Amino acid sequence: MSSLILFLNSFLSYLLVFVLIVVLVIIACVIGVKWRKSKDLKSAQLAETDGNAVNQ
């Protein structure tokens, strides 16, 4: 019985670490997508502003 408890303890510890890593990866991906969309929006606005300046 003692070895079963030790096994479950180790298993749950590794499971917790795995879940934590997965959550951090998901958070990093969400932040990366937000930053990329923000950068694309800024570059589109800059290109639009430059286009308007050339046409005037």
N, C-alpha and C. Protein backbone atom coordinates (compact mmCIF):
# COMPACT_ATOMS: atom_id res chain seq x y z
N MET A 1 0.81 -1.19 0.00
CA MET A 1 0.00 0.00 0.00
C MET A 1 0.86 1.26 0.00
N SER A 2 1.96 1.18 0.69
CA SER A 2 2.84 2.33 0.77
C SER A 2 3.43 2.67 -0.60
N SER A 3 3.79 1.65 -1.37
CA SER A 3 4.36 1.92 -2.69
C SER A 3 3.32 2.51 -3.64
N LEU A 4 2.05 2.12 -3.48
CA LEU A 4 0.99 2.70 -4.30
C LEU A 4 0.82 4.18 -4.00
N ILE A 5 0.87 4.53 -2.74
CA ILE A 5 0.76 5.94 -2.35
C ILE A 5 1.94 6.74 -2.89
N LEU A 6 3.14 6.18 -2.82
CA LEU A 6 4.31 6.86 -3.36
C LEU A 6 4.20 7.03 -4.87
N PHE A 7 3.70 5.98 -5.54
CA PHE A 7 3.52 6.07 -6.99
C PHE A 7 2.51 7.16 -7.35
N LEU A 8 1.37 7.17 -6.67
CA LEU A 8 0.36 8.19 -6.96
C LEU A 8 0.87 9.59 -6.65
N ASN A 9 1.64 9.72 -5.62
CA ASN A 9 2.22 11.01 -5.27
C ASN A 9 3.15 11.50 -6.38
N SER A 10 4.00 10.63 -6.85
CA SER A 10 4.91 10.99 -7.95
C SER A 10 4.14 11.29 -9.22
N PHE A 11 3.16 10.45 -9.52
CA PHE A 11 2.36 10.64 -10.73
C PHE A 11 1.64 11.98 -10.71
N LEU A 12 1.01 12.30 -9.60
CA LEU A 12 0.29 13.57 -9.51
C LEU A 12 1.24 14.77 -9.55
N SER A 13 2.42 14.60 -9.02
CA SER A 13 3.40 15.69 -9.07
C SER A 13 3.81 15.97 -10.52
N TYR A 14 4.10 14.91 -11.27
CA TYR A 14 4.47 15.08 -12.67
C TYR A 14 3.29 15.59 -13.49
N LEU A 15 2.09 15.13 -13.17
CA LEU A 15 0.90 15.61 -13.87
C LEU A 15 0.70 17.10 -13.63
N LEU A 16 0.92 17.54 -12.42
CA LEU A 16 0.79 18.96 -12.09
C LEU A 16 1.82 19.79 -12.86
N VAL A 17 3.05 19.32 -12.94
CA VAL A 17 4.08 20.03 -13.69
C VAL A 17 3.71 20.08 -15.17
N PHE A 18 3.21 18.98 -15.71
CA PHE A 18 2.81 18.94 -17.12
C PHE A 18 1.68 19.94 -17.39
N VAL A 19 0.69 19.96 -16.54
CA VAL A 19 -0.43 20.89 -16.71
C VAL A 19 0.06 22.33 -16.62
N LEU A 20 0.96 22.61 -15.71
CA LEU A 20 1.52 23.95 -15.58
C LEU A 20 2.26 24.37 -16.86
N ILE A 21 3.04 23.47 -17.42
CA ILE A 21 3.77 23.77 -18.66
C ILE A 21 2.80 24.02 -19.80
N VAL A 22 1.75 23.21 -19.91
CA VAL A 22 0.76 23.39 -20.97
C VAL A 22 0.07 24.75 -20.83
N VAL A 23 -0.28 25.12 -19.62
CA VAL A 23 -0.93 26.42 -19.39
C VAL A 23 0.00 27.56 -19.78
N LEU A 24 1.28 27.45 -19.43
CA LEU A 24 2.24 28.51 -19.79
C LEU A 24 2.41 28.61 -21.31
N VAL A 25 2.41 27.48 -21.99
CA VAL A 25 2.52 27.51 -23.46
C VAL A 25 1.29 28.17 -24.08
N ILE A 26 0.12 27.86 -23.57
CA ILE A 26 -1.11 28.47 -24.09
C ILE A 26 -1.10 29.97 -23.85
N ILE A 27 -0.70 30.40 -22.67
CA ILE A 27 -0.62 31.83 -22.37
C ILE A 27 0.38 32.52 -23.28
N ALA A 28 1.53 31.89 -23.52
CA ALA A 28 2.54 32.47 -24.41
C ALA A 28 2.01 32.61 -25.83
N CYS A 29 1.28 31.61 -26.30
CA CYS A 29 0.71 31.68 -27.65
C CYS A 29 -0.32 32.80 -27.76
N VAL A 30 -1.17 32.95 -26.76
CA VAL A 30 -2.18 34.01 -26.78
C VAL A 30 -1.51 35.38 -26.78
N ILE A 31 -0.50 35.56 -25.96
CA ILE A 31 0.22 36.83 -25.92
C ILE A 31 0.91 37.10 -27.26
N GLY A 32 1.51 36.07 -27.84
CA GLY A 32 2.18 36.23 -29.13
C GLY A 32 1.21 36.63 -30.22
N VAL A 33 0.04 36.03 -30.25
CA VAL A 33 -0.96 36.38 -31.27
C VAL A 33 -1.42 37.81 -31.08
N LYS A 34 -1.65 38.22 -29.84
CA LYS A 34 -2.08 39.61 -29.58
C LYS A 34 -1.01 40.60 -30.02
N TRP A 35 0.25 40.32 -29.69
CA TRP A 35 1.32 41.23 -30.10
C TRP A 35 1.46 41.29 -31.61
N ARG A 36 1.30 40.15 -32.29
CA ARG A 36 1.43 40.13 -33.75
C ARG A 36 0.30 40.93 -34.39
N LYS A 37 -0.92 40.74 -33.90
CA LYS A 37 -2.05 41.50 -34.45
C LYS A 37 -1.86 42.99 -34.22
N SER A 38 -1.34 43.36 -33.06
CA SER A 38 -1.09 44.77 -32.76
C SER A 38 -0.03 45.34 -33.70
N LYS A 39 1.01 44.58 -33.94
CA LYS A 39 2.07 45.04 -34.84
C LYS A 39 1.55 45.17 -36.26
N ASP A 40 0.76 44.20 -36.71
CA ASP A 40 0.19 44.28 -38.06
C ASP A 40 -0.73 45.47 -38.21
N LEU A 41 -1.51 45.76 -37.18
CA LEU A 41 -2.41 46.91 -37.23
C LEU A 41 -1.62 48.21 -37.29
N LYS A 42 -0.55 48.31 -36.50
CA LYS A 42 0.27 49.52 -36.53
C LYS A 42 0.94 49.70 -37.88
N SER A 43 1.46 48.63 -38.45
CA SER A 43 2.12 48.75 -39.75
C SER A 43 1.12 49.08 -40.85
N ALA A 44 -0.11 48.58 -40.75
CA ALA A 44 -1.15 48.91 -41.73
C ALA A 44 -1.53 50.38 -41.61
N GLN A 45 -1.64 50.88 -40.40
CA GLN A 45 -1.96 52.30 -40.21
C GLN A 45 -0.83 53.18 -40.71
N LEU A 46 0.40 52.75 -40.48
CA LEU A 46 1.55 53.51 -40.97
C LEU A 46 1.58 53.53 -42.49
N ALA A 47 1.31 52.40 -43.10
CA ALA A 47 1.29 52.33 -44.56
C ALA A 47 0.17 53.19 -45.13
N GLU A 48 -0.97 53.18 -44.45
CA GLU A 48 -2.09 54.01 -44.90
C GLU A 48 -1.75 55.49 -44.77
N THR A 49 -1.10 55.86 -43.69
CA THR A 49 -0.69 57.25 -43.48
C THR A 49 0.34 57.67 -44.52
N ASP A 50 1.29 56.80 -44.82
CA ASP A 50 2.30 57.09 -45.84
C ASP A 50 1.65 57.20 -47.21
N GLY A 51 0.68 56.37 -47.48
CA GLY A 51 -0.01 56.42 -48.77
C GLY A 51 -0.79 57.71 -48.94
N ASN A 52 -1.39 58.18 -47.88
CA ASN A 52 -2.15 59.44 -47.93
C ASN A 52 -1.18 60.62 -48.09
N ALA A 53 -0.03 60.56 -47.48
CA ALA A 53 0.94 61.66 -47.58
C ALA A 53 1.48 61.75 -49.01
N VAL A 54 1.67 60.62 -49.67
CA VAL A 54 2.20 60.63 -51.03
C VAL A 54 1.16 61.16 -52.00
N ASN A 55 -0.12 60.84 -51.78
CA ASN A 55 -1.18 61.25 -52.68
C ASN A 55 -1.52 62.73 -52.58
N GLN A 56 -1.15 63.39 -51.49
CA GLN A 56 -1.51 64.79 -51.33
C GLN A 56 -0.54 65.69 -51.96
